[in-house]
Amino acid sequence: MNLEQEVWRDQIKNDSNAIILDVRTEDEFSEGIIPGAINIDIYKGQGFLYAIEELDKSKNYYVYCRSGGRSAQACSIMNQLGFPNTYNLIGGIMNWEGEVV
């Protein structure tokens, strides 16, 4: 599901089951992240799939990338793998107005 950043941010605040997932490259990740994010690079191909399969499917995943494209793709892949709750940040971290660490 694609969410505008205000909704995405508000949902995370009220979701005790939330996991923030950054699907950018390690280099991009090192430039700054949304606090609490874990990094699984979607460009790792099969490695990405293996890492995703290790995640808890009962959690709610809030996914972002640089502009929203890769994270939308990641949400689609995760849904196909049986993750019922994935939320894509429209506009990605480029348009993020919240905290970055």
C-alpha atoms as a PDB file:
ATOM      1  CA  MET A   1       0.000   0.000   0.000  1.00  0.00           C
ATOM      2  CA  ASN A   2       1.343   3.434  -0.956  1.00  0.00           C
ATOM      3  CA  LEU A   3       1.122   6.053   1.794  1.00  0.00           C
ATOM      4  CA  GLU A   4       1.841   9.782   1.867  1.00  0.00           C
ATOM      5  CA  GLN A   5       4.542  10.586   4.393  1.00  0.00           C
ATOM      6  CA  GLU A   6       2.200  12.105   7.004  1.00  0.00           C
ATOM      7  CA  VAL A   7       0.070   8.945   7.088  1.00  0.00           C
ATOM      8  CA  TRP A   8       3.162   6.692   6.929  1.00  0.00           C
ATOM      9  CA  ARG A   9       4.800   8.534   9.852  1.00  0.00           C
ATOM     10  CA  ASP A  10       1.609   8.646  11.949  1.00  0.00           C
ATOM     11  CA  GLN A  11       0.935   4.945  11.410  1.00  0.00           C
ATOM     12  CA  ILE A  12       4.458   4.044  12.576  1.00  0.00           C
ATOM     13  CA  LYS A  13       4.031   6.118  15.750  1.00  0.00           C
ATOM     14  CA  ASN A  14       0.876   4.190  16.636  1.00  0.00           C
ATOM     15  CA  ASP A  15       2.074   0.746  15.510  1.00  0.00           C
ATOM     16  CA  SER A  16       3.859  -1.337  18.152  1.00  0.00           C
ATOM     17  CA  ASN A  17       4.406  -3.992  15.462  1.00  0.00           C
ATOM     18  CA  ALA A  18       6.215  -1.672  13.010  1.00  0.00           C
ATOM     19  CA  ILE A  19       9.513  -2.402  11.277  1.00  0.00           C
ATOM     20  CA  ILE A  20      11.078   0.348   9.134  1.00  0.00           C
ATOM     21  CA  LEU A  21      12.855  -1.127   6.121  1.00  0.00           C
ATOM     22  CA  ASP A  22      15.291   0.811   3.940  1.00  0.00           C
ATOM     23  CA  VAL A  23      15.847  -0.963   0.594  1.00  0.00           C
ATOM     24  CA  ARG A  24      18.555   1.380  -0.717  1.00  0.00           C
ATOM     25  CA  THR A  25      22.207   0.438  -1.253  1.00  0.00           C
ATOM     26  CA  GLU A  26      24.634   0.379   1.672  1.00  0.00           C
ATOM     27  CA  ASP A  27      26.250   3.595   0.361  1.00  0.00           C
ATOM     28  CA  GLU A  28      22.877   5.368   0.287  1.00  0.00           C
ATOM     29  CA  PHE A  29      22.016   3.953   3.726  1.00  0.00           C
ATOM     30  CA  SER A  30      25.256   5.376   5.173  1.00  0.00           C
ATOM     31  CA  GLU A  31      24.277   8.869   3.950  1.00  0.00           C
ATOM     32  CA  GLY A  32      21.376   9.033   6.407  1.00  0.00           C
ATOM     33  CA  ILE A  33      18.353   6.999   7.421  1.00  0.00           C
ATOM     34  CA  ILE A  34      14.952   7.362   8.985  1.00  0.00           C
ATOM     35  CA  PRO A  35      15.578   6.521  12.682  1.00  0.00           C
ATOM     36  CA  GLY A  36      15.265   2.829  13.518  1.00  0.00           C
ATOM     37  CA  ALA A  37      15.469   1.594   9.917  1.00  0.00           C
ATOM     38  CA  ILE A  38      17.065  -1.696   8.954  1.00  0.00           C
ATOM     39  CA  ASN A  39      18.753  -2.020   5.558  1.00  0.00           C
ATOM     40  CA  ILE A  40      18.174  -4.761   2.994  1.00  0.00           C
ATOM     41  CA  ASP A  41      19.416  -3.682  -0.453  1.00  0.00           C
ATOM     42  CA  ILE A  42      16.870  -4.597  -3.150  1.00  0.00           C
ATOM     43  CA  TYR A  43      19.667  -4.547  -5.755  1.00  0.00           C
ATOM     44  CA  LYS A  44      21.175  -7.655  -4.114  1.00  0.00           C
ATOM     45  CA  GLY A  45      18.695  -9.754  -6.128  1.00  0.00           C
ATOM     46  CA  GLN A  46      18.585 -13.276  -4.712  1.00  0.00           C
ATOM     47  CA  GLY A  47      20.337 -12.013  -1.561  1.00  0.00           C
ATOM     48  CA  PHE A  48      17.451  -9.593  -1.062  1.00  0.00           C
ATOM     49  CA  LEU A  49      14.959 -12.466  -1.333  1.00  0.00           C
ATOM     50  CA  TYR A  50      16.900 -14.591   1.164  1.00  0.00           C
ATOM     51  CA  ALA A  51      17.083 -11.705   3.658  1.00  0.00           C
ATOM     52  CA  ILE A  52      13.367 -10.910   3.261  1.00  0.00           C
ATOM     53  CA  GLU A  53      12.446 -14.565   3.841  1.00  0.00           C
ATOM     54  CA  GLU A  54      14.200 -14.340   7.249  1.00  0.00           C
ATOM     55  CA  LEU A  55      11.849 -11.569   8.405  1.00  0.00           C
ATOM     56  CA  ASP A  56       8.812 -12.081  10.646  1.00  0.00           C
ATOM     57  CA  LYS A  57       5.698 -12.045   8.414  1.00  0.00           C
ATOM     58  CA  SER A  58       3.497 -11.025  11.361  1.00  0.00           C
ATOM     59  CA  LYS A  59       5.151  -7.579  11.546  1.00  0.00           C
ATOM     60  CA  ASN A  60       4.060  -4.451   9.680  1.00  0.00           C
ATOM     61  CA  TYR A  61       6.753  -3.238   7.277  1.00  0.00           C
ATOM     62  CA  TYR A  62       7.174   0.451   6.465  1.00  0.00           C
ATOM     63  CA  VAL A  63       9.409   0.472   3.406  1.00  0.00           C
ATOM     64  CA  TYR A  64      11.302   3.333   1.789  1.00  0.00           C
ATOM     65  CA  CYS A  65      14.061   4.043  -0.728  1.00  0.00           C
ATOM     66  CA  ARG A  66      15.367   7.228  -2.340  1.00  0.00           C
ATOM     67  CA  SER A  67      12.259   8.215  -4.300  1.00  0.00           C
ATOM     68  CA  GLY A  68       9.632   5.497  -3.774  1.00  0.00           C
ATOM     69  CA  GLY A  69      10.219   3.261  -6.810  1.00  0.00           C
ATOM     70  CA  ARG A  70      12.398   0.527  -5.348  1.00  0.00           C
ATOM     71  CA  SER A  71      10.352   0.467  -2.145  1.00  0.00           C
ATOM     72  CA  ALA A  72       7.123  -0.007  -4.141  1.00  0.00           C
ATOM     73  CA  GLN A  73       8.814  -2.925  -5.916  1.00  0.00           C
ATOM     74  CA  ALA A  74      10.000  -4.320  -2.545  1.00  0.00           C
ATOM     75  CA  CYS A  75       6.459  -4.127  -1.126  1.00  0.00           C
ATOM     76  CA  SER A  76       5.142  -6.012  -4.165  1.00  0.00           C
ATOM     77  CA  ILE A  77       7.786  -8.743  -3.766  1.00  0.00           C
ATOM     78  CA  MET A  78       7.085  -8.986  -0.029  1.00  0.00           C
ATOM     79  CA  ASN A  79       3.336  -9.314  -0.671  1.00  0.00           C
ATOM     80  CA  GLN A  80       4.032 -12.161  -3.126  1.00  0.00           C
ATOM     81  CA  LEU A  81       6.166 -13.849  -0.425  1.00  0.00           C
ATOM     82  CA  GLY A  82       3.273 -13.758   2.043  1.00  0.00           C
ATOM     83  CA  PHE A  83       3.805 -10.481   3.930  1.00  0.00           C
ATOM     84  CA  PRO A  84       0.284  -9.082   4.408  1.00  0.00           C
ATOM     85  CA  ASN A  85       1.217  -5.611   5.710  1.00  0.00           C
ATOM     86  CA  THR A  86       3.700  -3.549   3.697  1.00  0.00           C
ATOM     87  CA  TYR A  87       3.533   0.227   3.387  1.00  0.00           C
ATOM     88  CA  ASN A  88       5.489   2.149   0.764  1.00  0.00           C
ATOM     89  CA  LEU A  89       6.613   5.709   1.508  1.00  0.00           C
ATOM     90  CA  ILE A  90       5.526   7.797  -1.504  1.00  0.00           C
ATOM     91  CA  GLY A  91       8.395  10.056  -2.590  1.00  0.00           C
ATOM     92  CA  GLY A  92      10.972   8.186  -0.513  1.00  0.00           C
ATOM     93  CA  ILE A  93      13.594   9.767   1.709  1.00  0.00           C
ATOM     94  CA  MET A  94      14.158  12.509  -0.913  1.00  0.00           C
ATOM     95  CA  ASN A  95      10.847  14.085   0.119  1.00  0.00           C
ATOM     96  CA  TRP A  96      10.990  13.026   3.796  1.00  0.00           C
ATOM     97  CA  GLU A  97      10.391  15.914   6.176  1.00  0.00           C
ATOM     98  CA  GLY A  98      10.929  13.924   9.379  1.00  0.00           C
ATOM     99  CA  GLU A  99      14.093  13.157  11.308  1.00  0.00           C
ATOM    100  CA  VAL A 100      17.104  11.629   9.561  1.00  0.00           C
ATOM    101  CA  VAL A 101      20.098  10.175  11.422  1.00  0.00           C
END
